[in-house]
């Protein structure tokens, strides 16, 4: 077994250990973020990326491990930022949880539900669904009579998703035709 395979095996194990350390941190078991371990691992990735890996299989494996690590790193960075900005909070046990930021903490602790405001204007969704169906027909994209209802349901689901990810903001849509294809653009306010 050559040293590249050994380094890749070690790298795979180190990713699992680092993920476990971050999981412990987000669960509240570990007090601090494992930044030292993360920096050391990133240094090893950089060193290995500077080497010439001749074996195509090893190069492919390295690229996959590198992609896996950077996906985790982006997730960890985003969660830390959300924690710092208040979109995530620590519960009594110290675990990180995503709480609704539209209600005061006392209401959430008592279990009271805040009245949910619609993240979109229903009339605007109806209008955009009709405009999109018309734009699709004008671009030569076939559709059927129940298309508008399906488009409305899709737009409402997307509006709820975007609203939830933006902290409960209102979502509006508009239709445009670009390069002969109808497109729907979302605006969050």
N, C-alpha and C. Protein backbone atom coordinates (compact mmCIF):
# COMPACT_ATOMS: atom_id res chain seq x y z
N UNK A 1 0.85 -1.19 0.00
CA UNK A 1 0.00 0.00 0.00
C UNK A 1 0.89 1.24 0.00
N UNK A 2 0.67 2.16 -0.91
CA UNK A 2 1.56 3.32 -0.95
C UNK A 2 1.08 4.41 -0.02
N UNK A 3 1.95 5.41 0.18
CA UNK A 3 1.66 6.41 1.22
C UNK A 3 0.45 7.28 0.89
N UNK A 4 0.09 7.45 -0.39
CA UNK A 4 -1.10 8.24 -0.73
C UNK A 4 -2.36 7.54 -0.22
N UNK A 5 -2.43 6.22 -0.41
CA UNK A 5 -3.59 5.47 0.09
C UNK A 5 -3.68 5.56 1.61
N UNK A 6 -2.55 5.50 2.28
CA UNK A 6 -2.53 5.61 3.74
C UNK A 6 -3.01 7.00 4.16
N UNK A 7 -2.55 8.04 3.45
CA UNK A 7 -2.98 9.41 3.77
C UNK A 7 -4.47 9.59 3.52
N UNK A 8 -4.99 8.98 2.44
CA UNK A 8 -6.42 9.08 2.15
C UNK A 8 -7.25 8.35 3.20
N UNK A 9 -6.76 7.18 3.66
CA UNK A 9 -7.46 6.47 4.73
C UNK A 9 -7.48 7.30 6.00
N UNK A 10 -6.35 7.91 6.32
CA UNK A 10 -6.26 8.76 7.51
C UNK A 10 -7.18 9.97 7.36
N UNK A 11 -7.21 10.54 6.15
CA UNK A 11 -8.06 11.71 5.89
C UNK A 11 -9.53 11.35 6.09
N UNK A 12 -9.93 10.20 5.60
CA UNK A 12 -11.32 9.76 5.76
C UNK A 12 -11.67 9.60 7.23
N UNK A 13 -10.77 9.01 8.01
CA UNK A 13 -11.00 8.86 9.44
C UNK A 13 -11.04 10.21 10.15
N UNK A 14 -10.15 11.13 9.73
CA UNK A 14 -10.11 12.45 10.36
C UNK A 14 -11.38 13.26 10.09
N UNK A 15 -11.95 13.09 8.89
CA UNK A 15 -13.22 13.77 8.60
C UNK A 15 -14.30 13.26 9.54
N UNK A 16 -14.34 11.95 9.75
CA UNK A 16 -15.35 11.37 10.65
C UNK A 16 -15.15 11.87 12.08
N UNK A 17 -13.90 11.95 12.53
CA UNK A 17 -13.62 12.43 13.89
C UNK A 17 -13.99 13.90 14.02
N UNK A 18 -13.64 14.70 13.01
CA UNK A 18 -13.96 16.13 13.06
C UNK A 18 -15.47 16.35 13.05
N UNK A 19 -16.19 15.58 12.25
CA UNK A 19 -17.65 15.66 12.22
C UNK A 19 -18.22 15.32 13.60
N UNK A 20 -17.66 14.27 14.21
CA UNK A 20 -18.11 13.88 15.54
C UNK A 20 -17.85 14.99 16.56
N UNK A 21 -16.70 15.66 16.47
CA UNK A 21 -16.39 16.74 17.39
C UNK A 21 -17.35 17.92 17.22
N UNK A 22 -17.68 18.24 15.97
CA UNK A 22 -18.66 19.31 15.73
C UNK A 22 -20.05 18.89 16.21
N UNK A 23 -20.41 17.63 16.01
CA UNK A 23 -21.70 17.15 16.52
C UNK A 23 -21.76 17.31 18.04
N UNK A 24 -20.68 16.95 18.71
CA UNK A 24 -20.64 17.11 20.17
C UNK A 24 -20.75 18.58 20.56
N UNK A 25 -20.10 19.45 19.80
CA UNK A 25 -20.18 20.89 20.08
C UNK A 25 -21.60 21.40 19.91
N UNK A 26 -22.27 21.00 18.83
CA UNK A 26 -23.63 21.48 18.59
C UNK A 26 -24.64 20.84 19.54
N UNK A 27 -24.32 19.67 20.09
CA UNK A 27 -25.20 19.03 21.07
C UNK A 27 -24.99 19.59 22.47
N UNK A 28 -23.93 20.38 22.65
CA UNK A 28 -23.67 20.99 23.94
C UNK A 28 -22.75 20.17 24.82
N UNK A 29 -22.25 19.04 24.34
CA UNK A 29 -21.35 18.19 25.13
C UNK A 29 -19.94 18.77 25.14
N UNK A 30 -19.49 19.29 24.03
CA UNK A 30 -18.17 19.91 23.93
C UNK A 30 -18.33 21.40 24.12
N UNK A 31 -17.46 22.00 24.92
CA UNK A 31 -17.61 23.42 25.25
C UNK A 31 -17.26 24.36 24.11
N UNK A 32 -16.21 24.05 23.38
CA UNK A 32 -15.77 24.97 22.33
C UNK A 32 -15.75 24.32 20.96
N UNK A 33 -15.78 25.17 19.98
CA UNK A 33 -15.71 24.70 18.59
C UNK A 33 -14.32 24.11 18.34
N UNK A 34 -14.22 22.99 17.62
CA UNK A 34 -12.91 22.36 17.37
C UNK A 34 -12.14 23.08 16.25
N UNK A 35 -11.80 24.33 16.47
CA UNK A 35 -11.13 25.12 15.43
C UNK A 35 -9.70 24.66 15.19
N UNK A 36 -8.99 24.29 16.25
CA UNK A 36 -7.60 23.86 16.09
C UNK A 36 -7.54 22.61 15.21
N UNK A 37 -8.39 21.63 15.50
CA UNK A 37 -8.42 20.39 14.72
C UNK A 37 -8.80 20.68 13.27
N UNK A 38 -9.73 21.61 13.10
CA UNK A 38 -10.18 21.95 11.75
C UNK A 38 -9.05 22.60 10.94
N UNK A 39 -8.31 23.53 11.57
CA UNK A 39 -7.20 24.19 10.87
C UNK A 39 -6.11 23.19 10.51
N UNK A 40 -5.81 22.27 11.42
CA UNK A 40 -4.80 21.25 11.13
C UNK A 40 -5.23 20.38 9.95
N UNK A 41 -6.51 20.02 9.93
CA UNK A 41 -7.00 19.18 8.84
C UNK A 41 -6.96 19.94 7.51
N UNK A 42 -7.34 21.20 7.53
CA UNK A 42 -7.30 22.00 6.30
C UNK A 42 -5.87 22.14 5.79
N UNK A 43 -4.90 22.21 6.72
CA UNK A 43 -3.49 22.26 6.32
C UNK A 43 -3.07 20.97 5.62
N UNK A 44 -3.55 19.84 6.14
CA UNK A 44 -3.23 18.55 5.50
C UNK A 44 -3.88 18.44 4.13
N UNK A 45 -5.11 18.94 3.98
CA UNK A 45 -5.77 18.93 2.67
C UNK A 45 -4.96 19.76 1.68
N UNK A 46 -4.52 20.94 2.13
CA UNK A 46 -3.75 21.82 1.26
C UNK A 46 -2.43 21.16 0.85
N UNK A 47 -1.76 20.53 1.81
CA UNK A 47 -0.49 19.86 1.50
C UNK A 47 -0.70 18.72 0.50
N UNK A 48 -1.75 17.95 0.68
CA UNK A 48 -2.01 16.83 -0.23
C UNK A 48 -2.45 17.33 -1.60
N UNK A 49 -3.16 18.46 -1.64
CA UNK A 49 -3.59 18.98 -2.94
C UNK A 49 -2.42 19.50 -3.76
N UNK A 50 -1.31 19.84 -3.10
CA UNK A 50 -0.12 20.31 -3.81
C UNK A 50 0.69 19.15 -4.38
N UNK A 51 0.46 17.96 -3.86
CA UNK A 51 1.18 16.78 -4.37
C UNK A 51 0.56 16.32 -5.68
N UNK A 52 1.34 15.67 -6.45
CA UNK A 52 0.86 15.08 -7.69
C UNK A 52 0.41 13.66 -7.39
N UNK A 53 -0.89 13.42 -7.55
CA UNK A 53 -1.44 12.08 -7.33
C UNK A 53 -1.60 11.45 -8.71
N UNK A 54 -0.76 10.46 -9.00
CA UNK A 54 -0.71 9.86 -10.32
C UNK A 54 -1.88 8.92 -10.57
N UNK A 55 -2.20 8.12 -9.57
CA UNK A 55 -3.26 7.13 -9.71
C UNK A 55 -4.62 7.85 -9.81
N UNK A 56 -5.34 7.58 -10.88
CA UNK A 56 -6.63 8.24 -11.12
C UNK A 56 -7.63 7.90 -10.02
N UNK A 57 -7.62 6.66 -9.56
CA UNK A 57 -8.54 6.24 -8.50
C UNK A 57 -8.26 7.02 -7.21
N UNK A 58 -6.98 7.16 -6.88
CA UNK A 58 -6.62 7.91 -5.68
C UNK A 58 -6.98 9.38 -5.82
N UNK A 59 -6.76 9.95 -7.02
CA UNK A 59 -7.11 11.35 -7.26
C UNK A 59 -8.63 11.56 -7.11
N UNK A 60 -9.40 10.63 -7.66
CA UNK A 60 -10.86 10.70 -7.55
C UNK A 60 -11.30 10.60 -6.08
N UNK A 61 -10.69 9.68 -5.36
CA UNK A 61 -11.03 9.52 -3.94
C UNK A 61 -10.68 10.78 -3.16
N UNK A 62 -9.50 11.36 -3.45
CA UNK A 62 -9.10 12.60 -2.78
C UNK A 62 -10.10 13.72 -3.06
N UNK A 63 -10.49 13.85 -4.34
CA UNK A 63 -11.46 14.89 -4.69
C UNK A 63 -12.78 14.69 -3.97
N UNK A 64 -13.23 13.43 -3.86
CA UNK A 64 -14.48 13.16 -3.14
C UNK A 64 -14.36 13.50 -1.66
N UNK A 65 -13.24 13.11 -1.04
CA UNK A 65 -13.04 13.42 0.38
C UNK A 65 -12.94 14.93 0.61
N UNK A 66 -12.25 15.59 -0.30
CA UNK A 66 -12.13 17.04 -0.20
C UNK A 66 -13.50 17.71 -0.33
N UNK A 67 -14.31 17.26 -1.27
CA UNK A 67 -15.66 17.80 -1.42
C UNK A 67 -16.52 17.54 -0.20
N UNK A 68 -16.40 16.33 0.35
CA UNK A 68 -17.16 15.98 1.56
C UNK A 68 -16.78 16.90 2.71
N UNK A 69 -15.48 17.12 2.88
CA UNK A 69 -15.03 17.99 3.96
C UNK A 69 -15.55 19.42 3.77
N UNK A 70 -15.42 19.97 2.56
CA UNK A 70 -15.83 21.35 2.36
C UNK A 70 -17.34 21.50 2.51
N UNK A 71 -18.10 20.46 2.19
CA UNK A 71 -19.55 20.52 2.43
C UNK A 71 -19.83 20.62 3.93
N UNK A 72 -19.13 19.79 4.71
CA UNK A 72 -19.29 19.86 6.17
C UNK A 72 -18.82 21.22 6.68
N UNK A 73 -17.68 21.71 6.18
CA UNK A 73 -17.14 22.99 6.65
C UNK A 73 -18.12 24.13 6.39
N UNK A 74 -18.76 24.12 5.21
CA UNK A 74 -19.77 25.16 4.92
C UNK A 74 -20.95 25.05 5.87
N UNK A 75 -21.39 23.83 6.14
CA UNK A 75 -22.50 23.62 7.07
C UNK A 75 -22.14 24.13 8.46
N UNK A 76 -20.95 23.77 8.95
CA UNK A 76 -20.53 24.20 10.28
C UNK A 76 -20.41 25.72 10.36
N UNK A 77 -19.86 26.33 9.33
CA UNK A 77 -19.71 27.79 9.31
C UNK A 77 -21.08 28.46 9.33
N UNK A 78 -22.00 27.93 8.54
CA UNK A 78 -23.35 28.50 8.49
C UNK A 78 -24.06 28.34 9.84
N UNK A 79 -23.89 27.19 10.48
CA UNK A 79 -24.55 26.98 11.77
C UNK A 79 -23.95 27.90 12.85
N UNK A 80 -22.63 28.07 12.83
CA UNK A 80 -21.99 28.98 13.79
C UNK A 80 -22.50 30.40 13.57
N UNK A 81 -22.59 30.83 12.29
CA UNK A 81 -23.09 32.18 11.98
C UNK A 81 -24.53 32.33 12.45
N UNK A 82 -25.37 31.30 12.19
CA UNK A 82 -26.76 31.36 12.63
C UNK A 82 -26.85 31.42 14.15
N UNK A 83 -25.97 30.73 14.83
CA UNK A 83 -25.93 30.76 16.29
C UNK A 83 -25.55 32.16 16.77
N UNK A 84 -24.55 32.75 16.14
CA UNK A 84 -24.11 34.09 16.53
C UNK A 84 -25.15 35.16 16.21
N UNK A 85 -25.91 34.96 15.12
CA UNK A 85 -26.90 35.95 14.72
C UNK A 85 -28.27 35.70 15.34
N UNK A 86 -28.42 34.64 16.13
CA UNK A 86 -29.65 34.40 16.86
C UNK A 86 -30.69 33.56 16.15
N UNK A 87 -30.38 33.05 14.96
CA UNK A 87 -31.35 32.17 14.28
C UNK A 87 -31.33 30.78 14.89
N UNK A 88 -30.24 30.44 15.54
CA UNK A 88 -30.13 29.19 16.31
C UNK A 88 -29.87 29.58 17.75
N UNK A 89 -30.35 28.78 18.66
CA UNK A 89 -30.13 29.03 20.08
C UNK A 89 -29.78 27.74 20.78
N UNK A 90 -29.22 27.86 21.95
CA UNK A 90 -28.93 26.68 22.76
C UNK A 90 -30.08 26.49 23.75
N UNK A 91 -30.54 25.24 23.89
CA UNK A 91 -31.60 24.96 24.85
C UNK A 91 -30.99 24.77 26.24
N UNK A 92 -31.81 24.35 27.21
CA UNK A 92 -31.35 24.20 28.58
C UNK A 92 -30.20 23.20 28.69
N UNK A 93 -30.20 22.18 27.85
CA UNK A 93 -29.16 21.16 27.89
C UNK A 93 -27.90 21.60 27.15
N UNK A 94 -27.97 22.72 26.46
CA UNK A 94 -26.82 23.22 25.73
C UNK A 94 -26.81 22.87 24.26
N UNK A 95 -27.80 22.09 23.81
CA UNK A 95 -27.86 21.70 22.41
C UNK A 95 -28.37 22.86 21.56
N UNK A 96 -27.89 22.92 20.33
CA UNK A 96 -28.31 23.96 19.40
C UNK A 96 -29.64 23.57 18.78
N UNK A 97 -30.59 24.50 18.82
CA UNK A 97 -31.90 24.26 18.22
C UNK A 97 -32.31 25.48 17.41
N UNK A 98 -33.12 25.23 16.40
CA UNK A 98 -33.65 26.32 15.58
C UNK A 98 -35.01 26.67 16.15
N UNK A 99 -35.12 27.89 16.63
CA UNK A 99 -36.38 28.33 17.24
C UNK A 99 -37.00 29.40 16.39
N UNK A 100 -38.33 29.50 16.49
CA UNK A 100 -39.02 30.59 15.80
C UNK A 100 -38.63 31.90 16.42
N UNK A 101 -38.14 32.84 15.63
CA UNK A 101 -37.69 34.10 16.20
C UNK A 101 -38.77 35.16 16.18
N UNK A 102 -39.98 34.75 15.74
CA UNK A 102 -41.06 35.72 15.67
C UNK A 102 -41.83 35.81 16.99
N UNK A 103 -41.58 34.89 17.94
CA UNK A 103 -42.30 34.91 19.21
C UNK A 103 -41.30 35.12 20.35
N UNK A 104 -41.71 35.77 21.40
CA UNK A 104 -40.83 35.92 22.55
C UNK A 104 -40.52 34.56 23.18
N UNK A 105 -39.37 34.46 23.83
CA UNK A 105 -38.93 33.21 24.43
C UNK A 105 -39.93 32.70 25.46
N UNK A 106 -40.57 33.59 26.22
CA UNK A 106 -41.52 33.14 27.24
C UNK A 106 -42.69 32.38 26.61
N UNK A 107 -43.19 32.88 25.46
CA UNK A 107 -44.29 32.20 24.78
C UNK A 107 -43.87 30.83 24.30
N UNK A 108 -42.65 30.73 23.76
CA UNK A 108 -42.18 29.44 23.27
C UNK A 108 -42.04 28.46 24.43
N UNK A 109 -41.57 28.94 25.58
CA UNK A 109 -41.39 28.06 26.73
C UNK A 109 -42.73 27.60 27.28
N UNK A 110 -43.76 28.46 27.19
CA UNK A 110 -45.09 28.06 27.67
C UNK A 110 -45.80 27.19 26.65
N UNK A 111 -45.27 27.10 25.45
CA UNK A 111 -45.88 26.26 24.42
C UNK A 111 -46.99 26.94 23.65
N UNK A 112 -47.12 28.27 23.83
CA UNK A 112 -48.16 28.99 23.10
C UNK A 112 -47.74 29.14 21.64
N UNK A 113 -48.69 29.03 20.77
CA UNK A 113 -48.41 29.19 19.33
C UNK A 113 -48.81 30.60 18.92
N UNK A 114 -47.90 31.25 18.24
CA UNK A 114 -48.20 32.58 17.71
C UNK A 114 -49.06 32.41 16.46
N UNK A 115 -49.97 33.34 16.24
CA UNK A 115 -50.74 33.24 15.00
C UNK A 115 -49.81 33.36 13.80
N UNK A 116 -49.98 32.45 12.86
CA UNK A 116 -49.09 32.43 11.71
C UNK A 116 -49.61 33.37 10.64
N UNK A 117 -48.75 34.28 10.24
CA UNK A 117 -49.07 35.16 9.13
C UNK A 117 -48.64 34.47 7.85
N UNK A 118 -49.44 34.62 6.82
CA UNK A 118 -49.10 34.00 5.55
C UNK A 118 -47.84 34.67 5.00
N UNK A 119 -46.88 33.88 4.54
CA UNK A 119 -45.65 34.47 4.03
C UNK A 119 -45.80 35.02 2.61
N UNK A 120 -47.04 35.05 2.11
CA UNK A 120 -47.27 35.50 0.74
C UNK A 120 -48.68 36.07 0.63
N UNK A 121 -48.92 36.82 -0.42
CA UNK A 121 -50.23 37.36 -0.72
C UNK A 121 -50.93 36.38 -1.66
N UNK A 122 -52.04 35.80 -1.23
CA UNK A 122 -52.73 34.76 -2.01
C UNK A 122 -53.17 35.29 -3.37
N UNK A 123 -53.65 36.53 -3.42
CA UNK A 123 -54.07 37.10 -4.71
C UNK A 123 -52.88 37.23 -5.66
N UNK A 124 -51.74 37.62 -5.11
CA UNK A 124 -50.54 37.78 -5.92
C UNK A 124 -50.08 36.42 -6.46
N UNK A 125 -50.19 35.37 -5.64
CA UNK A 125 -49.83 34.01 -6.08
C UNK A 125 -50.75 33.58 -7.23
N UNK A 126 -52.05 33.84 -7.09
CA UNK A 126 -53.00 33.50 -8.17
C UNK A 126 -52.63 34.22 -9.46
N UNK A 127 -52.34 35.51 -9.35
CA UNK A 127 -51.99 36.30 -10.54
C UNK A 127 -50.70 35.79 -11.18
N UNK A 128 -49.69 35.51 -10.38
CA UNK A 128 -48.41 35.04 -10.91
C UNK A 128 -48.57 33.66 -11.55
N UNK A 129 -49.38 32.79 -10.96
CA UNK A 129 -49.61 31.46 -11.55
C UNK A 129 -50.27 31.59 -12.92
N UNK A 130 -51.25 32.50 -13.04
CA UNK A 130 -51.90 32.72 -14.34
C UNK A 130 -50.90 33.32 -15.34
N UNK A 131 -50.11 34.29 -14.89
CA UNK A 131 -49.10 34.90 -15.77
C UNK A 131 -48.08 33.87 -16.24
N UNK A 132 -47.67 32.98 -15.34
CA UNK A 132 -46.70 31.95 -15.70
C UNK A 132 -47.29 30.97 -16.72
N UNK A 133 -48.55 30.58 -16.50
CA UNK A 133 -49.21 29.68 -17.46
C UNK A 133 -49.31 30.34 -18.82
N UNK A 134 -49.66 31.64 -18.84
CA UNK A 134 -49.74 32.38 -20.11
C UNK A 134 -48.37 32.49 -20.77
N UNK A 135 -47.34 32.76 -19.97
CA UNK A 135 -45.99 32.89 -20.51
C UNK A 135 -45.50 31.55 -21.07
N UNK A 136 -45.86 30.46 -20.41
CA UNK A 136 -45.47 29.14 -20.91
C UNK A 136 -46.14 28.85 -22.25
N UNK A 137 -47.43 29.21 -22.35
CA UNK A 137 -48.13 28.99 -23.62
C UNK A 137 -47.54 29.86 -24.72
N UNK A 138 -47.20 31.12 -24.40
CA UNK A 138 -46.64 32.01 -25.42
C UNK A 138 -45.24 31.57 -25.87
N UNK A 139 -44.55 30.81 -25.01
CA UNK A 139 -43.23 30.28 -25.38
C UNK A 139 -43.33 28.91 -26.04
N UNK A 140 -44.56 28.43 -26.20
CA UNK A 140 -44.75 27.14 -26.87
C UNK A 140 -44.58 25.94 -25.97
N UNK A 141 -44.68 26.14 -24.68
CA UNK A 141 -44.59 25.02 -23.74
C UNK A 141 -46.00 24.54 -23.45
N UNK A 142 -46.24 23.28 -23.77
CA UNK A 142 -47.60 22.73 -23.63
C UNK A 142 -47.99 22.63 -22.16
N UNK A 143 -49.25 22.80 -21.91
CA UNK A 143 -49.79 22.69 -20.56
C UNK A 143 -51.22 22.24 -20.63
N UNK A 144 -51.81 22.02 -19.47
CA UNK A 144 -53.21 21.59 -19.43
C UNK A 144 -54.01 22.53 -18.57
N UNK A 145 -55.30 22.33 -18.51
CA UNK A 145 -56.21 23.23 -17.80
C UNK A 145 -55.94 23.33 -16.31
N UNK A 146 -55.54 22.25 -15.68
CA UNK A 146 -55.30 22.26 -14.24
C UNK A 146 -53.91 22.78 -13.89
N UNK A 147 -53.21 23.29 -14.90
CA UNK A 147 -51.85 23.76 -14.70
C UNK A 147 -51.78 24.91 -13.69
N UNK A 148 -52.72 25.82 -13.72
CA UNK A 148 -52.70 26.99 -12.85
C UNK A 148 -52.79 26.56 -11.37
N UNK A 149 -53.66 25.59 -11.07
CA UNK A 149 -53.77 25.11 -9.69
C UNK A 149 -52.46 24.49 -9.22
N UNK A 150 -51.84 23.72 -10.09
CA UNK A 150 -50.56 23.09 -9.76
C UNK A 150 -49.48 24.14 -9.55
N UNK A 151 -49.46 25.16 -10.40
CA UNK A 151 -48.49 26.24 -10.25
C UNK A 151 -48.70 27.02 -8.95
N UNK A 152 -49.98 27.27 -8.61
CA UNK A 152 -50.28 27.97 -7.35
C UNK A 152 -49.76 27.18 -6.16
N UNK A 153 -50.01 25.88 -6.16
CA UNK A 153 -49.55 25.04 -5.04
C UNK A 153 -48.02 25.06 -4.95
N UNK A 154 -47.37 24.98 -6.10
CA UNK A 154 -45.90 25.02 -6.12
C UNK A 154 -45.37 26.35 -5.61
N UNK A 155 -45.96 27.45 -6.06
CA UNK A 155 -45.53 28.78 -5.62
C UNK A 155 -45.77 28.99 -4.13
N UNK A 156 -46.92 28.50 -3.63
CA UNK A 156 -47.19 28.63 -2.19
C UNK A 156 -46.18 27.84 -1.37
N UNK A 157 -45.86 26.62 -1.81
CA UNK A 157 -44.87 25.81 -1.09
C UNK A 157 -43.51 26.49 -1.11
N UNK A 158 -43.12 27.03 -2.26
CA UNK A 158 -41.83 27.71 -2.37
C UNK A 158 -41.81 28.97 -1.51
N UNK A 159 -42.93 29.69 -1.47
CA UNK A 159 -43.01 30.90 -0.63
C UNK A 159 -42.85 30.55 0.84
N UNK A 160 -43.48 29.46 1.28
CA UNK A 160 -43.33 29.04 2.68
C UNK A 160 -41.89 28.65 2.99
N UNK A 161 -41.26 27.94 2.06
CA UNK A 161 -39.88 27.52 2.25
C UNK A 161 -38.94 28.73 2.33
N UNK A 162 -39.10 29.67 1.39
CA UNK A 162 -38.25 30.85 1.39
C UNK A 162 -38.50 31.71 2.62
N UNK A 163 -39.75 31.82 3.03
CA UNK A 163 -40.08 32.60 4.22
C UNK A 163 -39.44 31.99 5.47
N UNK A 164 -39.52 30.68 5.57
CA UNK A 164 -38.94 30.00 6.74
C UNK A 164 -37.43 30.19 6.78
N UNK A 165 -36.78 30.11 5.62
CA UNK A 165 -35.32 30.24 5.61
C UNK A 165 -34.86 31.68 5.78
N UNK A 166 -35.76 32.64 5.59
CA UNK A 166 -35.39 34.05 5.73
C UNK A 166 -35.90 34.66 7.04
N UNK A 167 -36.34 33.84 7.94
CA UNK A 167 -36.79 34.36 9.23
C UNK A 167 -38.20 34.90 9.24
N UNK A 168 -39.07 34.36 8.39
CA UNK A 168 -40.48 34.74 8.40
C UNK A 168 -40.82 35.96 7.55
N UNK A 169 -39.96 36.32 6.65
CA UNK A 169 -40.23 37.48 5.79
C UNK A 169 -41.25 37.12 4.72
N UNK A 170 -41.86 38.15 4.15
CA UNK A 170 -42.88 37.96 3.11
C UNK A 170 -42.20 37.75 1.76
N UNK A 171 -42.78 36.85 0.96
CA UNK A 171 -42.23 36.50 -0.35
C UNK A 171 -43.19 36.96 -1.43
N UNK A 172 -42.66 37.59 -2.47
CA UNK A 172 -43.45 37.98 -3.64
C UNK A 172 -42.76 37.42 -4.87
N UNK A 173 -43.55 37.11 -5.89
CA UNK A 173 -43.01 36.54 -7.12
C UNK A 173 -43.34 37.45 -8.29
N UNK A 174 -42.52 37.33 -9.35
CA UNK A 174 -42.82 37.99 -10.62
C UNK A 174 -42.37 37.06 -11.73
N UNK A 175 -43.01 37.18 -12.89
CA UNK A 175 -42.72 36.33 -14.04
C UNK A 175 -41.96 37.15 -15.07
N UNK A 176 -40.93 36.53 -15.65
CA UNK A 176 -40.21 37.16 -16.76
C UNK A 176 -39.89 36.08 -17.79
N UNK A 177 -39.64 36.49 -19.00
CA UNK A 177 -39.26 35.55 -20.06
C UNK A 177 -37.83 35.90 -20.47
N UNK A 178 -36.94 34.92 -20.31
CA UNK A 178 -35.53 35.12 -20.64
C UNK A 178 -35.10 34.01 -21.59
N UNK A 179 -34.51 34.37 -22.69
CA UNK A 179 -34.04 33.41 -23.69
C UNK A 179 -35.16 32.48 -24.13
N UNK A 180 -36.36 33.01 -24.25
CA UNK A 180 -37.49 32.22 -24.72
C UNK A 180 -38.05 31.26 -23.69
N UNK A 181 -37.65 31.42 -22.42
CA UNK A 181 -38.15 30.53 -21.36
C UNK A 181 -38.74 31.38 -20.24
N UNK A 182 -39.93 31.00 -19.77
CA UNK A 182 -40.53 31.74 -18.65
C UNK A 182 -39.80 31.42 -17.35
N UNK A 183 -39.58 32.45 -16.56
CA UNK A 183 -38.90 32.28 -15.28
C UNK A 183 -39.70 33.00 -14.20
N UNK A 184 -39.64 32.45 -13.01
CA UNK A 184 -40.28 33.07 -11.85
C UNK A 184 -39.18 33.54 -10.91
N UNK A 185 -39.24 34.80 -10.55
CA UNK A 185 -38.24 35.39 -9.65
C UNK A 185 -38.93 35.69 -8.32
N UNK A 186 -38.25 35.38 -7.24
CA UNK A 186 -38.78 35.63 -5.90
C UNK A 186 -38.10 36.85 -5.30
N UNK A 187 -38.88 37.65 -4.58
CA UNK A 187 -38.38 38.80 -3.85
C UNK A 187 -38.79 38.64 -2.39
N UNK A 188 -37.83 38.76 -1.50
CA UNK A 188 -38.11 38.60 -0.07
C UNK A 188 -38.05 39.96 0.57
N UNK A 189 -39.12 40.31 1.32
CA UNK A 189 -39.13 41.62 1.98
C UNK A 189 -39.67 41.51 3.38
